[in-house]
Amino acid sequence: MRPLGRYVYVPDPAVVDAGLVAEVAEDVAGGLLHGGGALLTADEPRYTPFATAYEVMEVLPWGDGARPRTDAPDAPVEFVVTAADGTATLIAVPVRFPQAP
């Protein structure tokens, strides 16, 4: 478990089902987000075909993160995480890698 970095990764459900989250965390030079369930976090963006990457833009106290929802591909996404110091809402935007290696 590690504290929040600049990036959050959502592993593919097949990765979670197969018990391979730790391997994906290693691929992105990160770790499991403390209080984030299967969410991963890292300080640098790294492409992996096994997780979707998001750049964290804001960290708000839980309940303060209500944002208009949209289906736009680059729309901000909210993640709710619970840590020892309370529940927080992460506002993040998808990372678009130029071309997958």
C-alpha atoms as a PDB file:
ATOM      1  CA  MET A   1       0.000   0.000   0.000  1.00  0.00           C
ATOM      2  CA  ARG A   2       1.206   3.455  -0.755  1.00  0.00           C
ATOM      3  CA  PRO A   3      -0.071   7.029  -0.528  1.00  0.00           C
ATOM      4  CA  LEU A   4      -1.554   8.817  -3.508  1.00  0.00           C
ATOM      5  CA  GLY A   5       0.807   9.675  -6.356  1.00  0.00           C
ATOM      6  CA  ARG A   6       0.084  11.943  -9.306  1.00  0.00           C
ATOM      7  CA  TYR A   7      -1.487   9.100 -11.313  1.00  0.00           C
ATOM      8  CA  VAL A   8      -4.171   6.521 -10.568  1.00  0.00           C
ATOM      9  CA  TYR A   9      -4.572   3.296 -12.525  1.00  0.00           C
ATOM     10  CA  VAL A  10      -7.728   1.206 -12.742  1.00  0.00           C
ATOM     11  CA  PRO A  11      -6.761  -2.406 -13.476  1.00  0.00           C
ATOM     12  CA  ASP A  12      -8.761  -4.342 -16.028  1.00  0.00           C
ATOM     13  CA  PRO A  13     -11.298  -6.589 -14.248  1.00  0.00           C
ATOM     14  CA  ALA A  14      -9.573  -9.662 -15.732  1.00  0.00           C
ATOM     15  CA  VAL A  15      -6.340  -8.587 -13.988  1.00  0.00           C
ATOM     16  CA  VAL A  16      -8.183  -8.321 -10.666  1.00  0.00           C
ATOM     17  CA  ASP A  17      -9.931 -11.672 -11.173  1.00  0.00           C
ATOM     18  CA  ALA A  18      -6.610 -13.348 -12.002  1.00  0.00           C
ATOM     19  CA  GLY A  19      -4.931 -11.911  -8.916  1.00  0.00           C
ATOM     20  CA  LEU A  20      -2.321 -10.058 -10.998  1.00  0.00           C
ATOM     21  CA  VAL A  21      -2.776  -6.534  -9.604  1.00  0.00           C
ATOM     22  CA  ALA A  22       0.679  -6.586  -7.959  1.00  0.00           C
ATOM     23  CA  GLU A  23       2.297  -7.393 -11.307  1.00  0.00           C
ATOM     24  CA  VAL A  24       0.552  -4.458 -12.992  1.00  0.00           C
ATOM     25  CA  ALA A  25       1.629  -2.216 -10.099  1.00  0.00           C
ATOM     26  CA  GLU A  26       5.206  -3.262 -10.785  1.00  0.00           C
ATOM     27  CA  ASP A  27       4.764  -2.490 -14.514  1.00  0.00           C
ATOM     28  CA  VAL A  28       3.741   1.094 -13.737  1.00  0.00           C
ATOM     29  CA  ALA A  29       6.382   1.526 -10.983  1.00  0.00           C
ATOM     30  CA  GLY A  30       3.617   2.063  -8.457  1.00  0.00           C
ATOM     31  CA  GLY A  31       1.634   0.267  -5.822  1.00  0.00           C
ATOM     32  CA  LEU A  32      -1.814  -0.287  -4.413  1.00  0.00           C
ATOM     33  CA  LEU A  33      -3.413   2.993  -3.369  1.00  0.00           C
ATOM     34  CA  HIS A  34      -3.907   3.066   0.379  1.00  0.00           C
ATOM     35  CA  GLY A  35      -7.678   2.946   0.922  1.00  0.00           C
ATOM     36  CA  GLY A  36      -8.378   2.574  -2.803  1.00  0.00           C
ATOM     37  CA  GLY A  37      -9.297  -1.085  -3.097  1.00  0.00           C
ATOM     38  CA  ALA A  38      -7.755  -2.387  -6.340  1.00  0.00           C
ATOM     39  CA  LEU A  39      -6.725   1.112  -7.529  1.00  0.00           C
ATOM     40  CA  LEU A  40      -3.044   1.584  -8.217  1.00  0.00           C
ATOM     41  CA  THR A  41      -1.066   4.804  -7.930  1.00  0.00           C
ATOM     42  CA  ALA A  42       2.276   6.006  -9.280  1.00  0.00           C
ATOM     43  CA  ASP A  43       4.250   9.227  -9.643  1.00  0.00           C
ATOM     44  CA  GLU A  44       4.903   8.957 -13.400  1.00  0.00           C
ATOM     45  CA  PRO A  45       2.622   7.943 -16.271  1.00  0.00           C
ATOM     46  CA  ARG A  46       3.472   4.568 -17.787  1.00  0.00           C
ATOM     47  CA  TYR A  47       1.523   2.763 -20.456  1.00  0.00           C
ATOM     48  CA  THR A  48       0.168  -0.682 -19.704  1.00  0.00           C
ATOM     49  CA  PRO A  49      -2.477  -2.560 -21.657  1.00  0.00           C
ATOM     50  CA  PHE A  50      -3.720  -3.982 -18.340  1.00  0.00           C
ATOM     51  CA  ALA A  51      -4.988  -0.777 -16.679  1.00  0.00           C
ATOM     52  CA  THR A  52      -6.443   2.621 -17.540  1.00  0.00           C
ATOM     53  CA  ALA A  53      -4.364   5.586 -16.369  1.00  0.00           C
ATOM     54  CA  TYR A  54      -5.744   8.840 -14.915  1.00  0.00           C
ATOM     55  CA  GLU A  55      -3.932  12.005 -13.852  1.00  0.00           C
ATOM     56  CA  VAL A  56      -5.151  13.317 -10.494  1.00  0.00           C
ATOM     57  CA  MET A  57      -6.159  16.978 -10.777  1.00  0.00           C
ATOM     58  CA  GLU A  58      -7.771  17.573  -7.358  1.00  0.00           C
ATOM     59  CA  VAL A  59      -8.197  15.851  -4.023  1.00  0.00           C
ATOM     60  CA  LEU A  60     -11.327  16.975  -2.170  1.00  0.00           C
ATOM     61  CA  PRO A  61     -12.966  15.969   1.085  1.00  0.00           C
ATOM     62  CA  TRP A  62     -15.627  13.370   0.403  1.00  0.00           C
ATOM     63  CA  GLY A  63     -18.902  14.978  -0.583  1.00  0.00           C
ATOM     64  CA  ASP A  64     -17.267  18.095  -2.048  1.00  0.00           C
ATOM     65  CA  GLY A  65     -16.502  16.419  -5.368  1.00  0.00           C
ATOM     66  CA  ALA A  66     -19.855  16.643  -7.132  1.00  0.00           C
ATOM     67  CA  ARG A  67     -19.139  17.523 -10.748  1.00  0.00           C
ATOM     68  CA  PRO A  68     -21.391  17.497 -13.790  1.00  0.00           C
ATOM     69  CA  ARG A  69     -21.168  14.138 -15.515  1.00  0.00           C
ATOM     70  CA  THR A  70     -20.518  13.848 -19.218  1.00  0.00           C
ATOM     71  CA  ASP A  71     -19.729  11.054 -21.636  1.00  0.00           C
ATOM     72  CA  ALA A  72     -16.909  13.020 -23.268  1.00  0.00           C
ATOM     73  CA  PRO A  73     -13.767  10.851 -23.582  1.00  0.00           C
ATOM     74  CA  ASP A  74     -11.576  13.308 -21.646  1.00  0.00           C
ATOM     75  CA  ALA A  75     -14.162  14.214 -19.001  1.00  0.00           C
ATOM     76  CA  PRO A  76     -12.992  14.197 -15.390  1.00  0.00           C
ATOM     77  CA  VAL A  77     -13.659  11.041 -13.401  1.00  0.00           C
ATOM     78  CA  GLU A  78     -14.291  10.827  -9.656  1.00  0.00           C
ATOM     79  CA  PHE A  79     -12.773   8.165  -7.415  1.00  0.00           C
ATOM     80  CA  VAL A  80     -13.748   7.857  -3.765  1.00  0.00           C
ATOM     81  CA  VAL A  81     -11.015   6.498  -1.507  1.00  0.00           C
ATOM     82  CA  THR A  82     -10.927   5.915   2.217  1.00  0.00           C
ATOM     83  CA  ALA A  83      -7.698   6.329   4.168  1.00  0.00           C
ATOM     84  CA  ALA A  84      -6.779   6.682   7.828  1.00  0.00           C
ATOM     85  CA  ASP A  85      -7.320  10.445   7.635  1.00  0.00           C
ATOM     86  CA  GLY A  86     -10.818  10.144   6.152  1.00  0.00           C
ATOM     87  CA  THR A  87     -12.648   9.681   2.891  1.00  0.00           C
ATOM     88  CA  ALA A  88     -11.633  11.760  -0.116  1.00  0.00           C
ATOM     89  CA  THR A  89     -12.788  12.288  -3.687  1.00  0.00           C
ATOM     90  CA  LEU A  90     -10.116  12.259  -6.375  1.00  0.00           C
ATOM     91  CA  ILE A  91     -10.889  14.217  -9.533  1.00  0.00           C
ATOM     92  CA  ALA A  92      -8.831  12.807 -12.392  1.00  0.00           C
ATOM     93  CA  VAL A  93      -8.653  12.941 -16.174  1.00  0.00           C
ATOM     94  CA  PRO A  94      -7.739  10.069 -18.497  1.00  0.00           C
ATOM     95  CA  VAL A  95      -4.136   9.925 -19.664  1.00  0.00           C
ATOM     96  CA  ARG A  96      -3.864   9.663 -23.430  1.00  0.00           C
ATOM     97  CA  PHE A  97      -0.642   7.982 -24.491  1.00  0.00           C
ATOM     98  CA  PRO A  98       0.538   8.992 -28.019  1.00  0.00           C
ATOM     99  CA  GLN A  99       0.789   5.416 -29.251  1.00  0.00           C
ATOM    100  CA  ALA A 100       0.765   2.218 -27.327  1.00  0.00           C
ATOM    101  CA  PRO A 101       4.167   0.503 -27.622  1.00  0.00           C
END
